[in-house]
Amino acid sequence: MIYLVGLGSGGAQELSEYALQALRRAQRVFMTHPDHPSALAVAIAGIASEPCPTDIEQALETLLNAPERTVALATPGHPLVAHPLVARLLPAASERGRSTRLVPSRSFIEPVLEAIEQAAPEGLQVLSAARLPHLRFDPTLPTLWFGVETPDALHAVQQQLLRFYPADFRVYLIHAPGDSTRTEYRRVAVEQLERMPCDTITYLLAPPCPRREQVYQGFEGLVAVVAALRAPDGCPWDREQTHESLKPHLLEETYEVLEAVDSHDPIALREELGDLLLQVLMHSQIASETGAFDIEQVIERLIEKLVSRHPHVFGDAHAETAEQVLKNWDKTKRAQKGRASVLEGVPRAMPALARAQEISKRAARVGFEWETIEGVLDKLREEEAELRQAIVSGDRVRIESEIGDLLFTMVNIARHMQIDAEQALHSMVARFTRRFQWMEAEAARQNRALDNLDADEWEALWQQAKAAVP
């Protein structure tokens, strides 16, 4: 039998008679923290003990292989709170057929709250400084830190707190909670923590910090801002949004990014990329609220795809050209997604020209391609002739079909010349807009109405516009 005995958080008043009886029944008592005040209470009660090995693996072997029929592992507070050895010992003892019995006492949690009269009606976060920096917590809830027994550990907690709390935000350092003769606390600003004394019975409690006072930094801070917007007490508009309602905003922000790229304005691009990133975070936050996924899983999946689809960077494959990289990418992507066709996975919601070029590109990668640009130009002339015949026939269905064929052929010409068809048309429309607006201004300057111009006057004005506007 292995007794897991909690000694309470401090002085003799925390040590229960039940715990003393278990310790007296044990033939051998191991103490995880011989210098803790609770250990002194055990010694005063006349119970002999020895230090438990500090290395967890060694401690497990010592406890599980002890020749005595009954041994006790005595821990400060509650055995199940803040004791990694106990967490490892329970399953290990079960595997080896060693029975265990829990003899609980109060942990440090209640005495800490009592010492500073801190209520926690909405919950309490209890965290180990040893887990830093790989920890997440909610600053709007009280946070109790244990393991701040060295200046280095206290400094690590301070640096973590400064990422979320203002430097002058006041927290509590509680010493010897549960020992009425020694309990004391200090209320200090986060920026002063590293200058404070600490030892094995020191704990830190950060009270709730209102959202308006919190510090939001980096990507993690942005995620927290979005979560706050979607919280029950957040922004009414943001709380109402769904994946479906955000679709037009996602499209709008995407176009604004493209416009910023075209403007060659890095300040505008930075701004618009941030707005686009907000859409990604909003969709991820909405999904996380239903348990579907969160932003961390989005990122993890992206990393997996980037690594697996770049075997020439992260594996043994070779790719000398960008074209070979794309072929390898398509092959890997089809295999991962189980797609039978190279054309599967092109979004139907893409703009028609962009979708046509992607479809054409994928078909060409597997060999459905003209050998030279001349072949595509011949196809263009063929499609033009067929369109003329359709127009003569007056069959609107046929005309629409032939216009589509002609446009698709133009997309293939653009692809052959390594021109983005969507961008080419976008640039042309922008150019036409500038020139037409120049004609409007010029006609107004001349006191002429555009709708009164004849064909020759239109042509002359257009040629002027082409010369004046690039």
Protein backbone atom coordinates (compact mmCIF):
# COMPACT_ATOMS: atom_id res chain seq x y z
CA MET A 1 0.00 0.00 0.00
CA ILE A 2 1.22 3.45 -0.87
CA TYR A 3 -0.46 6.24 1.09
CA LEU A 4 -0.57 9.59 -0.70
CA VAL A 5 -0.82 11.92 2.25
CA GLY A 6 -1.60 15.62 2.02
CA LEU A 7 -0.11 17.61 4.89
CA GLY A 8 -2.10 20.78 4.35
CA SER A 9 -0.71 24.12 3.31
CA GLY A 10 1.12 25.14 6.45
CA GLY A 11 1.14 24.93 10.22
CA ALA A 12 -0.07 22.23 12.55
CA GLN A 13 -3.69 23.38 12.27
CA GLU A 14 -3.66 22.27 8.62
CA LEU A 15 -2.49 18.73 9.43
CA SER A 16 -5.53 16.48 9.91
CA GLU A 17 -5.76 13.61 12.38
CA TYR A 18 -6.58 11.36 9.41
CA ALA A 19 -3.26 12.28 7.80
CA LEU A 20 -1.35 11.65 11.03
CA GLN A 21 -2.92 8.21 11.39
CA ALA A 22 -1.93 7.26 7.83
CA LEU A 23 1.64 8.40 8.42
CA ARG A 24 1.86 6.40 11.66
CA ARG A 25 0.57 3.28 9.90
CA ALA A 26 3.22 3.53 7.19
CA GLN A 27 6.43 1.63 7.79
CA ARG A 28 8.38 4.19 5.84
CA VAL A 29 7.54 7.85 5.11
CA PHE A 30 8.97 9.84 2.20
CA MET A 31 8.70 13.63 2.30
CA THR A 32 8.66 15.54 -1.01
CA HIS A 33 9.45 18.90 0.64
CA PRO A 34 11.39 18.36 3.89
CA ASP A 35 11.82 22.10 4.38
CA HIS A 36 8.10 22.91 4.11
CA PRO A 37 6.37 24.02 7.39
CA SER A 38 4.06 21.02 7.15
CA ALA A 39 7.09 18.71 7.40
CA LEU A 40 8.02 20.33 10.70
CA ALA A 41 4.53 19.60 12.02
CA VAL A 42 5.02 15.94 11.13
CA ALA A 43 8.35 15.85 12.97
CA ILE A 44 6.80 17.48 16.04
CA ALA A 45 4.18 14.73 16.01
CA GLY A 46 7.04 12.25 16.44
CA ILE A 47 6.83 10.68 12.96
CA ALA A 48 10.14 9.86 11.28
CA SER A 49 10.52 10.61 7.60
CA GLU A 50 13.17 10.80 4.91
CA PRO A 51 13.51 13.02 1.86
CA CYS A 52 12.03 11.65 -1.34
CA PRO A 53 14.44 11.71 -4.30
CA THR A 54 13.97 14.93 -6.29
CA ASP A 55 14.39 13.17 -9.63
CA ILE A 56 10.95 11.86 -10.59
CA GLU A 57 12.19 8.66 -12.25
CA GLN A 58 14.33 7.83 -9.24
CA ALA A 59 11.49 8.67 -6.88
CA LEU A 60 9.12 6.35 -8.77
CA GLU A 61 11.55 3.46 -8.55
CA THR A 62 12.15 4.11 -4.85
CA LEU A 63 8.45 4.14 -3.99
CA LEU A 64 7.36 1.27 -6.23
CA ASN A 65 10.26 -0.99 -5.26
CA ALA A 66 10.28 -0.24 -1.54
CA PRO A 67 10.45 -3.57 0.38
CA GLU A 68 8.11 -2.30 3.12
CA ARG A 69 4.48 -3.42 2.83
CA THR A 70 3.14 0.09 3.48
CA VAL A 71 4.89 3.32 2.58
CA ALA A 72 3.68 6.91 2.56
CA LEU A 73 4.44 9.78 0.25
CA ALA A 74 3.81 12.97 2.18
CA THR A 75 3.27 16.18 0.21
CA PRO A 76 2.44 19.73 1.26
CA GLY A 77 -1.17 20.73 0.60
CA HIS A 78 -3.30 18.28 -1.38
CA PRO A 79 -1.49 15.36 -3.06
CA LEU A 80 -3.30 15.95 -6.38
CA VAL A 81 -2.51 19.66 -6.63
CA ALA A 82 0.86 20.87 -7.94
CA HIS A 83 2.70 17.57 -7.48
CA PRO A 84 4.01 16.07 -10.77
CA LEU A 85 5.37 13.02 -8.93
CA VAL A 86 1.89 12.03 -7.73
CA ALA A 87 0.52 12.43 -11.25
CA ARG A 88 3.14 9.94 -12.48
CA LEU A 89 2.91 7.63 -9.49
CA LEU A 90 -0.82 6.86 -9.72
CA PRO A 91 -0.80 5.19 -13.17
CA ALA A 92 2.62 3.61 -12.56
CA ALA A 93 1.43 1.98 -9.33
CA SER A 94 -1.68 0.68 -11.07
CA GLU A 95 0.41 -0.89 -13.82
CA ARG A 96 2.61 -2.68 -11.27
CA GLY A 97 -0.29 -3.83 -9.12
CA ARG A 98 0.57 -1.60 -6.17
CA SER A 99 -2.51 -0.23 -4.42
CA THR A 100 -2.69 3.42 -3.43
CA ARG A 101 -4.85 5.35 -1.00
CA LEU A 102 -5.44 9.08 -1.09
CA VAL A 103 -5.37 10.94 2.23
CA PRO A 104 -6.24 14.52 1.25
CA SER A 105 -5.82 17.81 3.07
CA ARG A 106 -6.36 21.39 1.98
CA SER A 107 -4.15 22.60 -0.84
CA PHE A 108 -2.52 26.03 -0.91
CA ILE A 109 -5.36 27.38 -3.06
CA GLU A 110 -7.91 28.18 -0.35
CA PRO A 111 -5.35 29.63 2.14
CA VAL A 112 -3.99 31.94 -0.58
CA LEU A 113 -7.47 33.24 -1.37
CA GLU A 114 -8.23 33.59 2.33
CA ALA A 115 -5.01 35.50 3.03
CA ILE A 116 -5.90 38.30 0.61
CA GLU A 117 -9.69 37.84 0.73
CA GLN A 118 -9.83 37.25 -3.02
CA ALA A 119 -13.14 35.82 -4.22
CA ALA A 120 -13.24 33.79 -7.43
CA PRO A 121 -16.92 33.58 -8.37
CA GLU A 122 -16.19 32.95 -12.06
CA GLY A 123 -13.29 30.56 -11.57
CA LEU A 124 -9.60 30.51 -10.80
CA GLN A 125 -6.60 29.61 -12.94
CA VAL A 126 -3.85 27.71 -11.11
CA LEU A 127 -0.59 27.59 -13.05
CA SER A 128 2.95 26.34 -12.55
CA ALA A 129 5.85 28.69 -13.23
CA ALA A 130 7.77 25.63 -14.42
CA ARG A 131 5.52 25.46 -17.49
CA LEU A 132 6.59 28.86 -18.78
CA PRO A 133 6.68 30.10 -21.44
CA HIS A 134 4.32 27.42 -22.86
CA LEU A 135 1.20 28.55 -21.07
CA ARG A 136 -2.03 30.29 -21.95
CA PHE A 137 -4.37 31.94 -19.51
CA ASP A 138 -7.19 34.45 -19.37
CA PRO A 139 -6.21 37.72 -17.63
CA THR A 140 -9.88 38.50 -16.97
CA LEU A 141 -9.87 35.69 -14.39
CA PRO A 142 -7.71 35.55 -11.22
CA THR A 143 -4.53 33.57 -11.78
CA LEU A 144 -2.64 31.79 -9.02
CA TRP A 145 1.00 30.89 -9.72
CA PHE A 146 2.93 28.30 -7.76
CA GLY A 147 6.57 27.25 -8.15
CA VAL A 148 7.82 30.86 -7.79
CA GLU A 149 10.41 29.75 -5.30
CA THR A 150 13.52 31.24 -6.95
CA PRO A 151 14.35 34.69 -8.38
CA ASP A 152 14.60 33.13 -11.84
CA ALA A 153 11.14 31.59 -11.58
CA LEU A 154 9.66 34.84 -10.30
CA HIS A 155 11.34 36.73 -13.14
CA ALA A 156 9.87 34.29 -15.69
CA VAL A 157 6.39 34.87 -14.30
CA GLN A 158 6.96 38.62 -14.36
CA GLN A 159 7.93 38.53 -18.04
CA GLN A 160 4.82 36.51 -18.84
CA LEU A 161 2.59 38.90 -16.93
CA LEU A 162 4.06 41.94 -18.70
CA ARG A 163 2.77 40.52 -21.98
CA PHE A 164 -0.83 40.88 -20.77
CA TYR A 165 -0.92 43.28 -17.81
CA PRO A 166 0.19 46.92 -17.53
CA ALA A 167 3.54 47.35 -15.80
CA ASP A 168 1.85 49.16 -12.88
CA PHE A 169 -0.83 46.50 -12.43
CA ARG A 170 -0.70 45.32 -8.82
CA VAL A 171 -0.48 41.64 -7.91
CA TYR A 172 -0.10 39.75 -4.63
CA LEU A 173 2.89 37.80 -3.29
CA ILE A 174 1.69 35.54 -0.48
CA HIS A 175 4.16 33.90 1.92
CA ALA A 176 3.33 30.81 4.02
CA PRO A 177 -0.42 30.69 3.40
CA GLY A 178 -2.23 28.46 5.91
CA ASP A 179 0.30 29.06 8.69
CA SER A 180 -1.44 31.64 10.84
CA THR A 181 1.78 32.56 12.66
CA ARG A 182 3.75 33.27 9.48
CA THR A 183 1.29 34.22 6.73
CA GLU A 184 1.99 37.59 5.13
CA TYR A 185 1.46 39.17 1.75
CA ARG A 186 2.67 42.09 -0.32
CA ARG A 187 0.78 43.94 -3.03
CA VAL A 188 3.26 45.08 -5.66
CA ALA A 189 3.31 46.30 -9.26
CA VAL A 190 4.24 43.71 -11.89
CA GLU A 191 7.31 45.78 -12.82
CA GLN A 192 8.62 45.41 -9.24
CA LEU A 193 8.29 41.64 -8.95
CA GLU A 194 11.87 40.70 -9.76
CA ARG A 195 13.07 42.66 -6.74
CA MET A 196 10.83 40.80 -4.30
CA PRO A 197 12.03 37.95 -2.00
CA CYS A 198 10.62 34.47 -2.58
CA ASP A 199 11.04 30.89 -1.35
CA THR A 200 9.38 27.47 -1.48
CA ILE A 201 6.24 28.73 0.28
CA THR A 202 5.72 31.84 -1.85
CA TYR A 203 2.77 32.13 -4.22
CA LEU A 204 1.69 34.84 -6.62
CA LEU A 205 -1.88 35.82 -7.37
CA ALA A 206 -2.81 38.17 -10.20
CA PRO A 207 -6.35 39.55 -9.73
CA PRO A 208 -8.69 39.84 -12.73
CA CYS A 209 -7.61 42.52 -15.18
CA PRO A 210 -10.40 44.28 -17.13
CA ARG A 211 -10.06 44.00 -20.90
CA ARG A 212 -9.74 47.76 -21.29
CA GLU A 213 -6.60 47.70 -19.11
CA GLN A 214 -4.91 44.65 -20.63
CA VAL A 215 -1.88 44.78 -22.88
CA TYR A 216 -2.34 43.21 -26.33
CA GLN A 217 0.89 42.33 -28.11
CA GLY A 218 1.78 40.26 -31.15
CA PHE A 219 -0.28 37.52 -32.70
CA GLU A 220 -1.42 36.12 -29.36
CA GLY A 221 -2.67 39.57 -28.38
CA LEU A 222 -4.60 39.87 -31.64
CA VAL A 223 -6.25 36.50 -31.03
CA ALA A 224 -7.25 37.72 -27.56
CA VAL A 225 -8.75 40.92 -29.00
CA VAL A 226 -10.89 38.96 -31.46
CA ALA A 227 -12.01 36.59 -28.69
CA ALA A 228 -12.97 39.61 -26.56
CA LEU A 229 -15.01 41.06 -29.42
CA ARG A 230 -16.93 37.79 -29.66
CA ALA A 231 -17.36 37.38 -25.89
CA PRO A 232 -20.82 37.66 -24.28
CA ASP A 233 -19.93 41.18 -23.10
CA GLY A 234 -18.12 42.02 -26.34
CA CYS A 235 -19.22 43.90 -29.45
CA PRO A 236 -22.86 43.29 -30.48
CA TRP A 237 -21.99 43.44 -34.20
CA ASP A 238 -19.08 41.00 -33.92
CA ARG A 239 -21.14 38.61 -31.78
CA GLU A 240 -23.84 38.43 -34.47
CA GLN A 241 -21.48 37.39 -37.26
CA THR A 242 -21.43 33.91 -38.77
CA HIS A 243 -19.29 32.22 -41.40
CA GLU A 244 -21.99 33.07 -43.95
CA SER A 245 -22.44 36.72 -42.94
CA LEU A 246 -18.68 37.33 -43.15
CA LYS A 247 -18.38 36.08 -46.75
CA PRO A 248 -18.84 39.50 -48.41
CA HIS A 249 -16.39 41.08 -45.96
CA LEU A 250 -13.78 38.42 -46.73
CA LEU A 251 -14.19 39.06 -50.45
CA GLU A 252 -14.06 42.83 -49.99
CA GLU A 253 -10.89 42.69 -47.89
CA THR A 254 -9.25 40.38 -50.44
CA TYR A 255 -9.93 42.86 -53.23
CA GLU A 256 -8.61 45.70 -51.10
CA VAL A 257 -5.36 43.77 -50.59
CA LEU A 258 -5.07 43.32 -54.35
CA GLU A 259 -5.70 47.02 -54.87
CA ALA A 260 -2.99 47.86 -52.34
CA VAL A 261 -0.57 45.56 -54.18
CA ASP A 262 -1.40 47.34 -57.45
CA SER A 263 -0.84 50.72 -55.81
CA HIS A 264 2.74 49.74 -54.78
CA ASP A 265 2.02 51.43 -51.44
CA PRO A 266 3.59 49.39 -48.60
CA ILE A 267 1.69 51.35 -45.92
CA ALA A 268 -1.64 50.59 -47.58
CA LEU A 269 -0.62 46.96 -48.11
CA ARG A 270 0.28 46.58 -44.44
CA GLU A 271 -3.10 47.99 -43.48
CA GLU A 272 -5.10 45.80 -45.84
CA LEU A 273 -3.22 42.62 -44.93
CA GLY A 274 -4.17 43.29 -41.31
CA ASP A 275 -7.83 43.63 -42.29
CA LEU A 276 -7.63 40.37 -44.23
CA LEU A 277 -5.98 38.64 -41.28
CA LEU A 278 -8.89 39.78 -39.12
CA GLN A 279 -11.23 37.80 -41.35
CA VAL A 280 -9.17 34.63 -40.82
CA LEU A 281 -9.22 35.16 -37.07
CA MET A 282 -12.95 35.88 -36.99
CA HIS A 283 -13.75 32.65 -38.85
CA SER A 284 -11.38 30.72 -36.56
CA GLN A 285 -12.90 32.23 -33.42
CA ILE A 286 -16.43 31.40 -34.57
CA ALA A 287 -15.33 27.82 -35.28
CA SER A 288 -13.64 27.53 -31.88
CA GLU A 289 -16.87 28.49 -30.12
CA THR A 290 -18.54 25.36 -31.52
CA GLY A 291 -15.49 23.15 -30.95
CA ALA A 292 -14.83 22.74 -34.69
CA PHE A 293 -11.28 24.14 -34.71
CA ASP A 294 -9.28 27.13 -33.52
CA ILE A 295 -6.55 29.33 -34.98
CA GLU A 296 -3.82 27.08 -33.55
CA GLN A 297 -5.21 24.13 -35.50
CA VAL A 298 -5.44 26.28 -38.61
CA ILE A 299 -1.75 27.11 -38.24
CA GLU A 300 -0.75 23.53 -37.42
CA ARG A 301 -2.52 22.24 -40.54
CA LEU A 302 -0.85 24.89 -42.67
CA ILE A 303 2.58 23.93 -41.35
CA GLU A 304 1.88 20.26 -42.10
CA LYS A 305 0.88 21.09 -45.68
CA LEU A 306 3.86 23.36 -46.32
CA VAL A 307 6.33 20.78 -45.05
CA SER A 308 4.75 17.79 -46.81
CA ARG A 309 4.36 19.65 -50.12
CA HIS A 310 7.93 20.89 -50.19
CA PRO A 311 9.87 17.62 -50.06
CA HIS A 312 12.69 19.32 -51.98
CA VAL A 313 13.17 21.59 -48.94
CA PHE A 314 12.19 19.36 -46.01
CA GLY A 315 12.88 15.95 -47.54
CA ASP A 316 15.00 14.10 -50.08
CA ALA A 317 13.19 15.12 -53.29
CA HIS A 318 14.76 17.43 -55.87
CA ALA A 319 13.22 20.27 -57.86
CA GLU A 320 15.45 22.45 -60.01
CA THR A 321 12.76 24.73 -61.47
CA ALA A 322 9.60 26.46 -60.31
CA GLU A 323 7.63 24.41 -62.84
CA GLN A 324 8.89 21.17 -61.32
CA VAL A 325 7.94 22.47 -57.87
CA LEU A 326 4.38 23.10 -59.08
CA LYS A 327 4.13 19.64 -60.63
CA ASN A 328 5.35 18.05 -57.39
CA TRP A 329 2.90 20.22 -55.43
CA ASP A 330 -0.07 19.13 -57.54
CA LYS A 331 0.95 15.47 -57.33
CA THR A 332 1.34 15.58 -53.55
CA LYS A 333 -1.88 17.54 -53.10
CA ARG A 334 -3.90 15.07 -55.18
CA ALA A 335 -2.47 12.14 -53.24
CA GLN A 336 -3.19 13.76 -49.86
CA LYS A 337 -6.73 14.73 -50.75
CA GLY A 338 -7.51 11.55 -52.68
CA ARG A 339 -8.49 13.42 -55.83
CA ALA A 340 -8.95 11.45 -59.03
CA SER A 341 -8.78 14.49 -61.32
CA VAL A 342 -6.14 17.18 -61.60
CA LEU A 343 -8.98 19.68 -62.02
CA GLU A 344 -10.63 18.92 -58.69
CA GLY A 345 -10.27 21.51 -55.97
CA VAL A 346 -10.35 24.66 -58.12
CA PRO A 347 -12.91 26.81 -56.27
CA ARG A 348 -16.06 27.51 -58.26
CA ALA A 349 -16.34 30.89 -56.53
CA MET A 350 -13.13 32.15 -58.18
CA PRO A 351 -13.50 34.95 -60.75
CA ALA A 352 -14.15 33.31 -64.15
CA LEU A 353 -10.88 34.39 -65.80
CA ALA A 354 -8.77 33.35 -62.83
CA ARG A 355 -10.57 29.99 -62.62
CA ALA A 356 -10.16 29.45 -66.38
CA GLN A 357 -6.43 30.09 -66.14
CA GLU A 358 -6.01 27.72 -63.19
CA ILE A 359 -7.97 24.98 -64.99
CA SER A 360 -5.89 25.54 -68.13
CA LYS A 361 -2.66 25.50 -66.13
CA ARG A 362 -3.47 22.21 -64.43
CA ALA A 363 -4.44 20.55 -67.70
CA ALA A 364 -1.21 21.75 -69.31
CA ARG A 365 0.92 20.33 -66.47
CA VAL A 366 -0.17 16.81 -67.34
CA GLY A 367 0.41 17.29 -71.09
CA PHE A 368 -2.82 18.77 -72.52
CA GLU A 369 -0.99 21.61 -74.22
CA TRP A 370 -0.01 23.23 -77.52
CA GLU A 371 3.65 22.90 -78.35
CA THR A 372 4.05 26.57 -79.39
CA ILE A 373 2.19 29.86 -79.10
CA GLU A 374 1.42 29.60 -82.81
CA GLY A 375 -0.85 26.67 -82.12
CA VAL A 376 -2.85 28.73 -79.64
CA LEU A 377 -3.08 31.66 -82.06
CA ASP A 378 -4.38 29.29 -84.74
CA LYS A 379 -6.98 28.14 -82.22
CA LEU A 380 -7.91 31.78 -81.60
CA ARG A 381 -8.58 32.33 -85.30
CA GLU A 382 -10.62 29.13 -85.41
CA GLU A 383 -12.74 30.22 -82.44
CA GLU A 384 -13.23 33.69 -83.95
CA ALA A 385 -14.56 32.13 -87.17
CA GLU A 386 -16.93 29.93 -85.20
CA LEU A 387 -18.18 32.96 -83.25
CA ARG A 388 -18.86 34.83 -86.50
CA GLN A 389 -20.88 31.85 -87.77
CA ALA A 390 -22.85 31.73 -84.52
CA ILE A 391 -23.65 35.45 -84.77
CA VAL A 392 -24.92 34.97 -88.31
CA SER A 393 -27.12 32.10 -87.10
CA GLY A 394 -28.70 34.29 -84.42
CA ASP A 395 -28.68 31.34 -81.96
CA ARG A 396 -28.00 33.02 -78.59
CA VAL A 397 -27.10 29.77 -76.84
CA ARG A 398 -24.53 29.03 -79.54
CA ILE A 399 -23.23 32.61 -79.44
CA GLU A 400 -22.72 32.40 -75.67
CA SER A 401 -20.90 29.08 -76.08
CA GLU A 402 -18.57 30.44 -78.75
CA ILE A 403 -17.81 33.59 -76.76
CA GLY A 404 -16.82 31.32 -73.87
CA ASP A 405 -14.55 29.29 -76.19
CA LEU A 406 -12.94 32.49 -77.47
CA LEU A 407 -12.35 33.82 -73.96
CA PHE A 408 -10.87 30.50 -72.83
CA THR A 409 -8.50 30.55 -75.80
CA MET A 410 -7.41 34.08 -74.87
CA VAL A 411 -6.72 32.79 -71.36
CA ASN A 412 -4.50 30.08 -72.85
CA ILE A 413 -2.59 32.71 -74.83
CA ALA A 414 -2.03 34.66 -71.60
CA ARG A 415 -0.86 31.50 -69.84
CA HIS A 416 1.51 30.65 -72.67
CA MET A 417 3.03 34.14 -72.42
CA GLN A 418 3.17 33.86 -68.60
CA ILE A 419 0.64 36.67 -68.21
CA ASP A 420 -2.09 36.57 -65.59
CA ALA A 421 -5.33 36.96 -67.57
CA GLU A 422 -7.28 38.31 -64.61
CA GLN A 423 -4.61 40.92 -63.93
CA ALA A 424 -4.34 41.82 -67.60
CA LEU A 425 -8.07 42.51 -67.84
CA HIS A 426 -7.99 44.33 -64.50
CA SER A 427 -5.21 46.61 -65.75
CA MET A 428 -7.00 47.18 -69.04
CA VAL A 429 -10.25 48.20 -67.30
CA ALA A 430 -8.31 50.58 -65.04
CA ARG A 431 -6.56 52.03 -68.09
CA PHE A 432 -9.85 52.41 -69.97
CA THR A 433 -11.41 54.09 -66.92
CA ARG A 434 -8.60 56.64 -66.68
CA ARG A 435 -8.79 57.45 -70.39
CA PHE A 436 -12.58 57.69 -70.46
CA GLN A 437 -12.55 60.00 -67.47
CA TRP A 438 -9.95 62.10 -69.28
CA MET A 439 -12.34 62.33 -72.26
CA GLU A 440 -15.17 63.40 -69.94
CA ALA A 441 -13.00 66.14 -68.48
CA GLU A 442 -11.76 67.25 -71.91
CA ALA A 443 -15.28 67.38 -73.36
CA ALA A 444 -16.44 69.42 -70.34
CA ARG A 445 -13.51 71.79 -70.82
CA GLN A 446 -14.56 72.26 -74.44
CA ASN A 447 -18.22 72.66 -73.42
CA ARG A 448 -19.19 69.61 -75.47
CA ALA A 449 -21.72 66.93 -74.51
CA LEU A 450 -20.38 63.41 -74.94
CA ASP A 451 -23.74 62.04 -76.02
CA ASN A 452 -23.78 64.47 -78.96
CA LEU A 453 -20.45 63.34 -80.46
CA ASP A 454 -20.46 61.41 -83.72
CA ALA A 455 -18.26 58.39 -84.42
CA ASP A 456 -15.39 60.40 -85.88
CA GLU A 457 -15.39 62.82 -82.95
CA TRP A 458 -15.40 59.92 -80.49
CA GLU A 459 -12.43 58.35 -82.27
CA ALA A 460 -10.48 61.60 -82.33
CA LEU A 461 -11.11 62.21 -78.64
CA TRP A 462 -10.15 58.61 -77.83
CA GLN A 463 -6.85 58.93 -79.67
CA GLN A 464 -6.13 62.12 -77.70
CA ALA A 465 -6.88 60.29 -74.48
CA LYS A 466 -4.55 57.42 -75.40
CA ALA A 467 -1.76 59.91 -76.06
CA ALA A 468 -2.42 61.84 -72.83
CA VAL A 469 -3.09 58.99 -70.41
CA PRO A 470 -0.79 55.94 -70.16
